[in-house]
Protein backbone atom coordinates (compact mmCIF):
# COMPACT_ATOMS: atom_id res chain seq x y z
CA MET A 1 61.42 48.64 49.65
CA ASN A 2 60.78 48.24 53.36
CA THR A 3 62.96 46.39 55.83
CA LYS A 4 61.65 42.82 55.89
CA PRO A 5 64.35 40.75 54.17
CA PHE A 6 63.16 37.30 55.26
CA GLN A 7 59.57 38.03 54.27
CA PHE A 8 60.74 39.31 50.88
CA TYR A 9 63.08 36.35 50.31
CA SER A 10 60.61 33.67 51.41
CA ASN A 11 57.72 35.02 49.33
CA ARG A 12 59.55 35.72 46.07
CA PRO A 13 58.09 33.38 43.42
CA GLU A 14 60.39 30.53 42.42
CA GLU A 15 59.73 31.06 38.72
CA ASN A 16 61.11 34.59 39.05
CA LEU A 17 64.41 33.08 40.15
CA GLU A 18 64.30 30.46 37.38
CA TRP A 19 63.69 33.20 34.80
CA THR A 20 66.60 35.24 36.16
CA ASN A 21 68.91 32.24 36.05
CA SER A 22 67.95 31.44 32.46
CA LYS A 23 68.36 35.03 31.24
CA LEU A 24 71.66 35.43 33.05
CA SER A 25 72.99 32.26 31.45
CA TYR A 26 72.10 33.63 28.02
CA TYR A 27 73.63 37.09 28.49
CA VAL A 28 76.81 35.95 30.23
CA SER A 29 77.49 33.70 27.23
CA LYS A 30 77.64 36.89 25.14
CA MET A 31 80.27 38.53 27.33
CA SER A 32 83.99 38.36 26.67
CA GLY A 33 87.10 39.82 28.25
CA SER A 34 88.89 39.26 31.56
CA ASN A 35 89.51 35.75 32.83
CA TRP A 36 89.38 36.98 36.43
CA ASP A 37 86.58 39.42 36.92
CA THR A 38 85.70 41.90 39.61
CA VAL A 39 81.90 42.01 39.67
CA LEU A 40 79.40 44.49 41.14
CA ASP A 41 75.87 43.42 42.08
CA PHE A 42 73.81 46.61 42.30
CA GLY A 43 70.82 46.31 44.66
CA CYS A 44 71.55 42.82 46.01
CA GLY A 45 68.56 42.72 48.37
CA PRO A 46 68.61 39.65 50.64
CA GLY A 47 71.59 38.12 48.80
CA ASP A 48 69.97 34.93 47.53
CA VAL A 49 70.32 35.88 43.86
CA THR A 50 73.92 36.97 44.43
CA LYS A 51 75.02 33.69 45.95
CA ASN A 52 72.65 31.13 44.43
CA ILE A 53 72.48 32.46 40.87
CA LEU A 54 75.09 35.11 40.03
CA LEU A 55 77.95 33.28 41.74
CA LYS A 56 77.67 30.20 39.55
CA HIS A 57 77.71 32.35 36.40
CA CYS A 58 81.03 33.89 37.43
CA PRO A 59 83.38 30.85 37.40
CA ASN A 60 86.53 32.97 37.15
CA PHE A 61 86.35 35.99 39.39
CA THR A 62 88.31 37.75 42.07
CA LYS A 63 85.43 39.26 43.99
CA ILE A 64 81.71 40.01 43.84
CA ILE A 65 80.88 43.24 45.63
CA ALA A 66 77.16 43.25 46.38
CA ILE A 67 75.60 46.51 47.51
CA ASP A 68 72.21 47.64 48.78
CA VAL A 69 70.92 50.78 50.46
CA GLN A 70 69.00 48.85 53.12
CA PRO A 71 71.17 47.87 56.12
CA THR A 72 68.75 45.14 57.23
CA PHE A 73 68.94 43.44 53.84
CA VAL A 74 72.73 43.60 53.77
CA GLU A 75 72.94 42.17 57.29
CA PHE A 76 70.54 39.37 56.30
CA ALA A 77 72.63 38.66 53.18
CA LYS A 78 75.83 38.43 55.21
CA LYS A 79 74.31 35.98 57.68
CA THR A 80 72.26 33.87 55.26
CA PHE A 81 74.11 34.00 51.95
CA GLY A 82 77.67 34.74 52.92
CA HIS A 83 80.59 33.54 50.79
CA GLU A 84 84.34 34.07 50.99
CA ARG A 85 84.36 35.83 47.62
CA ILE A 86 81.28 38.02 48.16
CA ASP A 87 81.51 41.32 50.01
CA TYR A 88 78.09 42.69 51.03
CA LEU A 89 78.10 46.46 51.62
CA VAL A 90 75.55 49.11 52.57
CA LEU A 91 76.07 51.69 49.85
CA ASP A 92 74.14 53.99 47.53
CA ILE A 93 76.49 54.67 44.64
CA THR A 94 74.10 57.27 43.24
CA GLU A 95 74.98 59.38 46.30
CA LYS A 96 78.59 58.41 46.96
CA THR A 97 80.92 56.23 44.91
CA PRO A 98 84.27 55.13 46.40
CA ALA A 99 87.11 56.85 44.53
CA GLN A 100 89.02 53.56 44.27
CA TRP A 101 86.18 52.06 42.25
CA ARG A 102 87.05 54.03 39.12
CA GLU A 103 87.39 51.53 36.23
CA MET A 104 87.44 48.72 38.79
CA PHE A 105 84.68 46.41 37.57
CA ASP A 106 84.58 44.07 34.60
CA LYS A 107 80.85 43.46 34.95
CA VAL A 108 77.98 45.16 36.76
CA PHE A 109 74.65 43.41 37.29
CA ALA A 110 71.29 44.75 38.49
CA PHE A 111 68.51 42.27 39.23
CA PHE A 112 65.11 43.91 39.76
CA SER A 113 66.75 47.00 41.24
CA LEU A 114 67.11 49.52 38.39
CA HIS A 115 63.53 50.77 38.84
CA TYR A 116 64.63 52.22 42.20
CA VAL A 117 66.98 54.61 40.37
CA GLY A 118 65.47 58.06 39.99
CA ASP A 119 68.00 59.66 37.64
CA PHE A 120 69.04 57.26 34.89
CA LYS A 121 71.55 59.66 33.30
CA LYS A 122 73.36 60.18 36.60
CA PHE A 123 73.38 56.43 37.21
CA LEU A 124 74.74 55.62 33.74
CA ASN A 125 77.53 58.17 34.16
CA ILE A 126 78.49 56.59 37.49
CA LEU A 127 78.29 53.16 35.91
CA HIS A 128 80.57 54.25 33.09
CA ASP A 129 83.10 55.51 35.65
CA VAL A 130 83.24 52.26 37.65
CA LEU A 131 83.37 49.92 34.64
CA LYS A 132 86.59 49.10 32.89
CA PRO A 133 86.68 50.06 29.20
CA GLY A 134 84.90 47.24 27.42
CA GLY A 135 83.11 46.17 30.61
CA TYR A 136 79.49 45.05 30.65
CA PHE A 137 76.31 46.14 32.38
CA LEU A 138 73.29 43.85 32.54
CA SER A 139 69.98 44.80 34.12
CA LEU A 140 67.04 42.44 34.34
CA GLY A 141 64.14 44.25 35.94
CA ILE A 142 60.72 45.81 36.00
CA ALA A 143 59.53 48.49 33.61
CA SER A 144 55.90 48.44 34.70
CA ALA A 145 53.98 46.50 37.35
CA PRO A 146 50.50 46.39 38.93
CA ALA A 147 52.02 47.43 42.27
CA PHE A 148 52.83 50.86 40.85
CA SER A 149 49.24 51.29 39.64
CA VAL A 150 47.97 50.22 43.07
CA TRP A 151 50.18 52.77 44.83
CA LEU A 152 48.92 55.54 42.56
CA GLU A 153 45.33 54.42 43.05
CA MET A 154 45.63 54.38 46.84
CA SER A 155 47.33 57.80 46.78
CA MET A 156 44.04 59.20 45.47
CA THR A 157 41.78 57.68 48.14
CA GLU A 158 40.62 59.86 51.00
CA GLU A 159 41.66 57.34 53.65
CA TRP A 160 45.20 56.64 52.48
CA LYS A 161 46.36 59.63 50.42
CA GLN A 162 48.15 61.27 53.36
CA TYR A 163 50.50 58.27 53.57
CA PHE A 164 51.27 58.24 49.85
CA ILE A 165 52.45 61.84 49.50
CA GLY A 166 55.49 61.81 47.21
CA ILE A 167 54.81 58.28 45.93
CA GLU A 168 55.63 59.46 42.40
CA LYS A 169 59.35 59.31 43.14
CA TYR A 170 59.03 55.55 43.68
CA ILE A 171 57.27 54.98 40.33
CA PRO A 172 59.78 54.39 37.51
CA VAL A 173 59.40 56.59 34.44
CA THR A 174 59.04 53.41 32.39
CA HIS A 175 55.66 52.78 34.04
CA ALA A 176 54.07 55.67 32.17
CA ILE A 177 55.88 55.97 28.82
CA LYS A 178 55.83 53.59 25.88
CA ASN A 179 59.05 54.31 23.98
CA TYR A 180 61.43 53.94 26.91
CA CYS A 181 63.61 51.38 25.10
CA ASP A 182 64.48 53.93 22.40
CA GLN A 183 65.01 56.65 24.99
CA PHE A 184 67.25 54.46 27.13
CA ARG A 185 69.27 53.40 24.08
CA GLN A 186 69.92 57.04 23.18
CA LEU A 187 70.80 57.92 26.77
CA ALA A 188 73.19 54.97 27.03
CA GLU A 189 75.03 56.09 23.90
CA GLU A 190 75.30 59.64 25.26
CA CYS A 191 76.86 58.24 28.45
CA GLY A 192 79.56 56.25 26.66
CA PHE A 193 77.96 52.84 26.13
CA VAL A 194 77.33 50.56 23.21
CA PRO A 195 73.75 49.26 23.59
CA ILE A 196 73.89 45.56 22.73
CA ALA A 197 70.28 44.80 23.60
CA ILE A 198 67.47 46.82 25.17
CA THR A 199 64.16 44.98 25.05
CA SER A 200 60.89 44.76 26.94
CA SER A 201 58.37 41.95 27.23
CA LEU A 202 55.20 41.09 29.11
CA GLU A 203 55.85 38.31 31.61
CA SER A 204 53.55 36.52 34.04
CA VAL A 205 54.61 35.73 37.61
CA THR A 206 52.67 33.13 39.59
CA PHE A 207 52.08 33.22 43.34
CA ASP A 208 50.93 30.14 45.26
CA SER A 209 48.21 32.06 47.08
CA GLU A 210 46.76 35.50 47.66
CA LYS A 211 48.59 35.58 50.98
CA GLN A 212 51.94 35.11 49.24
CA LEU A 213 51.03 37.85 46.78
CA VAL A 214 50.15 40.32 49.54
CA ASP A 215 53.08 39.33 51.79
CA PHE A 216 55.51 39.85 48.93
CA HIS A 217 54.06 43.17 47.85
CA GLU A 218 53.96 44.38 51.42
CA CYS A 219 57.75 44.03 51.34
CA VAL A 220 58.16 46.17 48.23
CA LEU A 221 56.14 49.04 49.66
CA PRO A 222 58.48 52.00 50.22
CA GLU A 223 59.61 52.14 53.84
CA GLU A 224 58.70 55.83 53.89
CA ILE A 225 55.03 54.82 53.56
CA VAL A 226 55.09 51.83 55.89
CA LYS A 227 56.63 53.70 58.82
CA GLN A 228 53.90 56.35 58.66
CA LEU A 229 51.00 53.90 58.92
CA PRO A 230 49.56 53.64 62.44
CA LEU A 231 49.86 50.09 63.73
CA GLU A 232 46.13 49.87 64.47
CA MET A 233 45.36 50.71 60.82
CA PHE A 234 47.80 48.32 59.20
CA ASP A 235 45.42 45.34 58.83
CA LYS A 236 42.80 47.60 57.22
CA PHE A 237 45.47 49.02 54.94
CA LEU A 238 46.58 45.54 53.81
CA ASP A 239 42.96 44.57 53.16
CA ASP A 240 42.47 47.61 50.92
CA TYR A 241 45.86 46.92 49.33
CA ARG A 242 44.70 43.38 48.51
CA LYS A 243 41.41 44.66 47.05
CA ALA A 244 43.22 47.18 44.87
CA PHE A 245 45.43 44.42 43.44
CA ARG A 246 42.36 42.49 42.34
CA LYS A 247 41.60 45.26 39.84
CA ASP A 248 44.99 45.26 38.16
CA GLU A 249 45.77 42.41 35.78
CA ILE A 250 45.45 39.69 38.42
CA THR A 251 44.37 36.24 37.24
CA TYR A 252 42.96 33.69 39.67
CA ASN A 253 43.84 30.28 38.27
CA ALA A 254 41.82 27.07 38.66
CA ASP A 255 44.56 25.47 40.79
CA GLY A 256 44.36 28.27 43.37
CA THR A 257 47.46 30.11 42.21
CA ILE A 258 47.46 33.78 41.18
CA SER A 259 49.20 35.17 38.11
CA VAL A 260 50.38 38.77 37.85
CA GLN A 261 51.66 40.37 34.67
CA HIS A 262 54.69 42.66 34.67
CA THR A 263 56.49 44.41 31.85
CA ILE A 264 60.11 43.34 32.08
CA LEU A 265 63.00 45.45 30.82
CA GLU A 266 66.28 43.84 29.78
CA ILE A 267 69.27 46.16 29.32
CA PHE A 268 72.63 44.88 28.07
CA LEU A 269 75.34 47.49 27.54
CA GLN A 270 79.07 47.55 26.96
CA SER A 271 81.28 50.43 28.00
CA LYS A 272 83.08 51.86 25.02
CA ASN A 273 86.80 51.22 24.78
CA SER A 274 88.85 54.39 25.01
CA ALA A 275 90.10 53.85 21.46
CA SER A 276 86.59 53.58 20.03
């Protein structure tokens, strides 16, 4: 993701937030345990989901620690969605996890951030370390999306391929394989979790206009690519980016809106109790 938090926040489709709220309500109702939770929000982005959605589903909690690897997003979250019980931190726990976090969290949430993780086994082992025995992990996110196909397509064009070198590391493995639910279930068990639910579904997201679609997907382009693009070529790049999207499961509706289909992955795990 590149460093445009306001653009990302202001162009995220409202129905995406409504879907997240509804799913979170369902899964939280299945959780039991501590009356006063310490919660981790992994990949909090601009902070709107943390404060406006997650917060209200945690009525009894000590603290929500919300982390992201992008300093600009964390700074935006602090200024725009600050709360006395939310700590926003710049941190990549896949690289360095605070020692004091061992068995610290009752619940860990990841909203549309798990696809940024390159090594799922490493991440699940870290997750198991920071969760209390019996603690929960819930991820609601993307398994496959047209944006990934567009990036791969543009990486093969003569004009843009030099800027997309290494793009494969930003494409989640779930974009290319079909049995990832079974594989993730097995991996979760190996890492000390009880898989409660691991499901995928095809969901449609609606954008008000093509401009909103492009503005949003400009924000999710890896910063490594964006910073390489010469400024004088950026408008041409966005035009080609827009054209590439038109080929990938984009529906232009009669009311002027645009629908895009994504494969959504829901992962609900519980850390095994030490006695189990």
